[in-house]
Amino acid sequence: MTHRLRLDFDGTAKNLVGFDMSRQAARQVYDQSGLGPEHFQVIELHDCFSANELLTYEALGLARGPRAASSSTTTTPPTRALVVKPSAA
């Protein structure tokens, strides 16, 4: 769990929906577990708004920027395929 950051209120929509907060929480979990986004093959993620869900993929380190826009697969560096939201298939 993480708290709202002052950056959340910097005037950008991305941070207003909690992007930096999600990114900070993911980093804490990765650091504590010794795992990272490269250790996962399937991700089941839900957000009530599709735009927020795409931002969360990026915040979790599963995609970078425009790559987050794919709804069925995305790639994480260097070139690894990752299945996201298989229940929607």
N, C-alpha and C. Protein backbone atom coordinates (compact mmCIF):
# COMPACT_ATOMS: atom_id res chain seq x y z
N MET A 1 0.84 -1.17 0.00
CA MET A 1 0.00 0.00 0.00
C MET A 1 0.88 1.24 0.00
N THR A 2 0.45 2.24 -0.69
CA THR A 2 1.18 3.49 -0.74
C THR A 2 0.21 4.64 -0.58
N HIS A 3 0.71 5.78 -0.31
CA HIS A 3 -0.16 6.94 -0.10
C HIS A 3 -0.17 7.82 -1.33
N ARG A 4 -1.14 8.70 -1.39
CA ARG A 4 -1.22 9.66 -2.48
C ARG A 4 0.00 10.57 -2.42
N LEU A 5 0.58 10.82 -3.55
CA LEU A 5 1.76 11.66 -3.63
C LEU A 5 1.36 13.09 -4.01
N ARG A 6 2.18 14.01 -3.62
CA ARG A 6 1.94 15.41 -4.00
C ARG A 6 1.88 15.52 -5.53
N LEU A 7 2.65 14.68 -6.23
CA LEU A 7 2.65 14.71 -7.70
C LEU A 7 1.29 14.36 -8.29
N ASP A 8 0.45 13.66 -7.52
CA ASP A 8 -0.86 13.29 -8.04
C ASP A 8 -1.68 14.51 -8.41
N PHE A 9 -1.35 15.61 -7.82
CA PHE A 9 -2.13 16.82 -8.02
C PHE A 9 -1.34 17.86 -8.80
N ASP A 10 -0.52 17.38 -9.75
CA ASP A 10 0.32 18.28 -10.53
C ASP A 10 -0.41 18.85 -11.74
N GLY A 11 -1.68 18.54 -11.89
CA GLY A 11 -2.47 19.09 -12.99
C GLY A 11 -2.58 18.17 -14.19
N THR A 12 -1.88 17.03 -14.19
CA THR A 12 -2.00 16.09 -15.30
C THR A 12 -3.03 15.02 -14.96
N ALA A 13 -3.77 14.61 -15.96
CA ALA A 13 -4.77 13.57 -15.76
C ALA A 13 -4.13 12.24 -15.37
N LYS A 14 -2.95 11.99 -15.90
CA LYS A 14 -2.25 10.73 -15.64
C LYS A 14 -2.00 10.54 -14.15
N ASN A 15 -1.54 11.57 -13.49
CA ASN A 15 -1.27 11.46 -12.06
C ASN A 15 -2.54 11.59 -11.23
N LEU A 16 -3.53 12.27 -11.74
CA LEU A 16 -4.78 12.41 -11.01
C LEU A 16 -5.46 11.06 -10.80
N VAL A 17 -5.29 10.13 -11.76
CA VAL A 17 -5.89 8.80 -11.62
C VAL A 17 -4.97 7.83 -10.89
N GLY A 18 -3.84 8.33 -10.37
CA GLY A 18 -3.00 7.51 -9.50
C GLY A 18 -1.83 6.81 -10.16
N PHE A 19 -1.37 7.29 -11.32
CA PHE A 19 -0.27 6.65 -12.02
C PHE A 19 0.97 6.55 -11.14
N ASP A 20 1.42 7.67 -10.59
CA ASP A 20 2.63 7.65 -9.77
C ASP A 20 2.46 6.81 -8.51
N MET A 21 1.26 6.83 -7.94
CA MET A 21 0.99 6.03 -6.76
C MET A 21 1.10 4.53 -7.10
N SER A 22 0.54 4.13 -8.23
CA SER A 22 0.62 2.74 -8.67
C SER A 22 2.06 2.34 -8.98
N ARG A 23 2.79 3.24 -9.62
CA ARG A 23 4.19 2.95 -9.95
C ARG A 23 5.01 2.78 -8.67
N GLN A 24 4.78 3.63 -7.67
CA GLN A 24 5.51 3.53 -6.41
C GLN A 24 5.16 2.22 -5.70
N ALA A 25 3.89 1.86 -5.67
CA ALA A 25 3.48 0.61 -5.01
C ALA A 25 4.09 -0.60 -5.71
N ALA A 26 4.11 -0.58 -7.05
CA ALA A 26 4.71 -1.70 -7.80
C ALA A 26 6.19 -1.83 -7.48
N ARG A 27 6.88 -0.72 -7.44
CA ARG A 27 8.32 -0.76 -7.12
C ARG A 27 8.57 -1.33 -5.73
N GLN A 28 7.72 -0.95 -4.77
CA GLN A 28 7.87 -1.47 -3.41
C GLN A 28 7.67 -2.98 -3.38
N VAL A 29 6.66 -3.45 -4.09
CA VAL A 29 6.39 -4.89 -4.13
C VAL A 29 7.52 -5.63 -4.84
N TYR A 30 8.00 -5.09 -5.96
CA TYR A 30 9.10 -5.72 -6.67
C TYR A 30 10.35 -5.78 -5.80
N ASP A 31 10.64 -4.69 -5.09
CA ASP A 31 11.82 -4.66 -4.22
C ASP A 31 11.70 -5.67 -3.08
N GLN A 32 10.51 -5.74 -2.47
CA GLN A 32 10.32 -6.64 -1.32
C GLN A 32 10.31 -8.10 -1.73
N SER A 33 9.79 -8.39 -2.91
CA SER A 33 9.66 -9.78 -3.34
C SER A 33 10.88 -10.30 -4.09
N GLY A 34 11.69 -9.40 -4.59
CA GLY A 34 12.82 -9.82 -5.41
C GLY A 34 12.38 -10.18 -6.83
N LEU A 35 11.15 -9.91 -7.16
CA LEU A 35 10.61 -10.17 -8.50
C LEU A 35 10.46 -8.85 -9.23
N GLY A 36 10.24 -8.94 -10.52
CA GLY A 36 9.97 -7.76 -11.34
C GLY A 36 8.99 -8.12 -12.42
N PRO A 37 8.61 -7.16 -13.22
CA PRO A 37 7.62 -7.43 -14.26
C PRO A 37 8.06 -8.51 -15.24
N GLU A 38 9.36 -8.71 -15.37
CA GLU A 38 9.87 -9.73 -16.29
C GLU A 38 9.61 -11.15 -15.81
N HIS A 39 9.19 -11.31 -14.57
CA HIS A 39 8.93 -12.64 -14.02
C HIS A 39 7.50 -13.14 -14.28
N PHE A 40 6.67 -12.34 -14.87
CA PHE A 40 5.27 -12.71 -15.08
C PHE A 40 4.99 -13.01 -16.54
N GLN A 41 4.13 -14.00 -16.77
CA GLN A 41 3.76 -14.37 -18.13
C GLN A 41 2.32 -14.00 -18.45
N VAL A 42 1.48 -13.95 -17.43
CA VAL A 42 0.06 -13.63 -17.61
C VAL A 42 -0.33 -12.62 -16.54
N ILE A 43 -1.05 -11.59 -16.93
CA ILE A 43 -1.51 -10.57 -16.00
C ILE A 43 -3.02 -10.43 -16.14
N GLU A 44 -3.73 -10.54 -15.03
CA GLU A 44 -5.17 -10.28 -15.00
C GLU A 44 -5.36 -8.99 -14.22
N LEU A 45 -5.80 -7.97 -14.90
CA LEU A 45 -5.92 -6.65 -14.31
C LEU A 45 -7.27 -6.07 -14.68
N HIS A 46 -7.92 -5.40 -13.74
CA HIS A 46 -9.20 -4.77 -14.03
C HIS A 46 -9.20 -3.35 -13.50
N ASP A 47 -9.71 -2.45 -14.28
CA ASP A 47 -10.02 -1.10 -13.85
C ASP A 47 -11.34 -0.75 -14.50
N CYS A 48 -12.14 0.05 -13.86
CA CYS A 48 -13.46 0.36 -14.40
C CYS A 48 -13.39 1.24 -15.66
N PHE A 49 -12.25 1.84 -15.92
CA PHE A 49 -12.07 2.64 -17.13
C PHE A 49 -10.89 2.08 -17.92
N SER A 50 -11.10 1.81 -19.20
CA SER A 50 -10.04 1.19 -20.00
C SER A 50 -8.78 2.05 -20.07
N ALA A 51 -8.93 3.37 -20.11
CA ALA A 51 -7.75 4.24 -20.16
C ALA A 51 -6.91 4.09 -18.89
N ASN A 52 -7.57 3.98 -17.74
CA ASN A 52 -6.84 3.79 -16.48
C ASN A 52 -6.13 2.44 -16.47
N GLU A 53 -6.77 1.43 -17.03
CA GLU A 53 -6.16 0.11 -17.08
C GLU A 53 -4.87 0.14 -17.90
N LEU A 54 -4.89 0.84 -19.03
CA LEU A 54 -3.70 0.95 -19.87
C LEU A 54 -2.58 1.69 -19.13
N LEU A 55 -2.94 2.73 -18.39
CA LEU A 55 -1.94 3.45 -17.60
C LEU A 55 -1.37 2.55 -16.51
N THR A 56 -2.20 1.68 -15.95
CA THR A 56 -1.72 0.78 -14.90
C THR A 56 -0.72 -0.22 -15.45
N TYR A 57 -0.92 -0.70 -16.67
CA TYR A 57 0.10 -1.58 -17.28
C TYR A 57 1.44 -0.88 -17.30
N GLU A 58 1.43 0.38 -17.68
CA GLU A 58 2.67 1.16 -17.72
C GLU A 58 3.23 1.37 -16.31
N ALA A 59 2.38 1.72 -15.37
CA ALA A 59 2.83 1.97 -13.99
C ALA A 59 3.44 0.72 -13.36
N LEU A 60 2.92 -0.45 -13.72
CA LEU A 60 3.44 -1.71 -13.17
C LEU A 60 4.73 -2.15 -13.87
N GLY A 61 5.14 -1.40 -14.87
CA GLY A 61 6.36 -1.76 -15.59
C GLY A 61 6.15 -2.83 -16.63
N LEU A 62 4.91 -3.06 -17.01
CA LEU A 62 4.59 -4.10 -17.99
C LEU A 62 4.68 -3.59 -19.42
N ALA A 63 4.62 -2.30 -19.60
CA ALA A 63 4.69 -1.69 -20.92
C ALA A 63 5.21 -0.27 -20.76
N ARG A 64 5.66 0.28 -21.85
CA ARG A 64 6.13 1.66 -21.84
C ARG A 64 5.26 2.49 -22.76
N GLY A 65 4.73 3.57 -22.25
CA GLY A 65 3.99 4.54 -23.04
C GLY A 65 3.03 3.95 -24.04
N PRO A 66 3.21 4.26 -25.33
CA PRO A 66 2.27 3.81 -26.36
C PRO A 66 2.11 2.30 -26.46
N ARG A 67 3.11 1.55 -26.01
CA ARG A 67 2.99 0.08 -26.05
C ARG A 67 1.86 -0.40 -25.14
N ALA A 68 1.48 0.38 -24.16
CA ALA A 68 0.41 -0.02 -23.25
C ALA A 68 -0.93 -0.07 -23.94
N ALA A 69 -1.03 0.48 -25.12
CA ALA A 69 -2.32 0.59 -25.80
C ALA A 69 -2.83 -0.72 -26.39
N SER A 70 -2.05 -1.78 -26.40
CA SER A 70 -2.53 -3.06 -26.92
C SER A 70 -3.43 -3.72 -25.90
N SER A 71 -4.58 -4.21 -26.34
CA SER A 71 -5.54 -4.77 -25.39
C SER A 71 -5.36 -6.26 -25.15
N SER A 72 -4.60 -6.96 -25.98
CA SER A 72 -4.47 -8.40 -25.77
C SER A 72 -3.05 -8.83 -25.41
N THR A 73 -2.06 -8.21 -25.98
CA THR A 73 -0.67 -8.50 -25.60
C THR A 73 0.12 -7.21 -25.62
N THR A 74 1.17 -7.21 -24.89
CA THR A 74 2.08 -6.07 -24.90
C THR A 74 3.48 -6.63 -24.73
N THR A 75 4.46 -5.83 -24.90
CA THR A 75 5.82 -6.32 -24.72
C THR A 75 6.52 -5.52 -23.65
N THR A 76 7.36 -6.20 -22.91
CA THR A 76 8.20 -5.53 -21.94
C THR A 76 9.62 -5.66 -22.43
N PRO A 77 10.45 -4.73 -22.12
CA PRO A 77 11.83 -4.78 -22.61
C PRO A 77 12.51 -6.08 -22.22
N PRO A 78 13.30 -6.70 -23.10
CA PRO A 78 13.58 -6.23 -24.44
C PRO A 78 12.49 -6.55 -25.44
N THR A 79 12.09 -7.82 -25.61
CA THR A 79 11.02 -8.15 -26.56
C THR A 79 10.29 -9.39 -26.08
N ARG A 80 9.64 -9.29 -24.99
CA ARG A 80 8.96 -10.44 -24.39
C ARG A 80 7.46 -10.27 -24.49
N ALA A 81 6.77 -11.27 -25.02
CA ALA A 81 5.31 -11.19 -25.11
C ALA A 81 4.70 -11.47 -23.75
N LEU A 82 3.63 -10.77 -23.45
CA LEU A 82 2.95 -10.89 -22.17
C LEU A 82 1.46 -10.89 -22.43
N VAL A 83 0.77 -11.90 -21.95
CA VAL A 83 -0.69 -11.95 -22.12
C VAL A 83 -1.32 -11.16 -21.00
N VAL A 84 -2.18 -10.24 -21.37
CA VAL A 84 -2.88 -9.44 -20.37
C VAL A 84 -4.38 -9.63 -20.51
N LYS A 85 -5.03 -9.79 -19.39
CA LYS A 85 -6.49 -9.93 -19.29
C LYS A 85 -7.03 -11.08 -20.15
N PRO A 86 -6.56 -12.29 -19.91
CA PRO A 86 -7.05 -13.41 -20.71
C PRO A 86 -8.54 -13.69 -20.53
N SER A 87 -9.11 -13.27 -19.43
CA SER A 87 -10.53 -13.52 -19.19
C SER A 87 -11.42 -12.74 -20.16
N ALA A 88 -10.87 -11.70 -20.78
CA ALA A 88 -11.65 -10.90 -21.73
C ALA A 88 -11.65 -11.50 -23.13
N ALA A 89 -10.87 -12.55 -23.33
CA ALA A 89 -10.75 -13.16 -24.66
C ALA A 89 -11.96 -14.00 -24.99
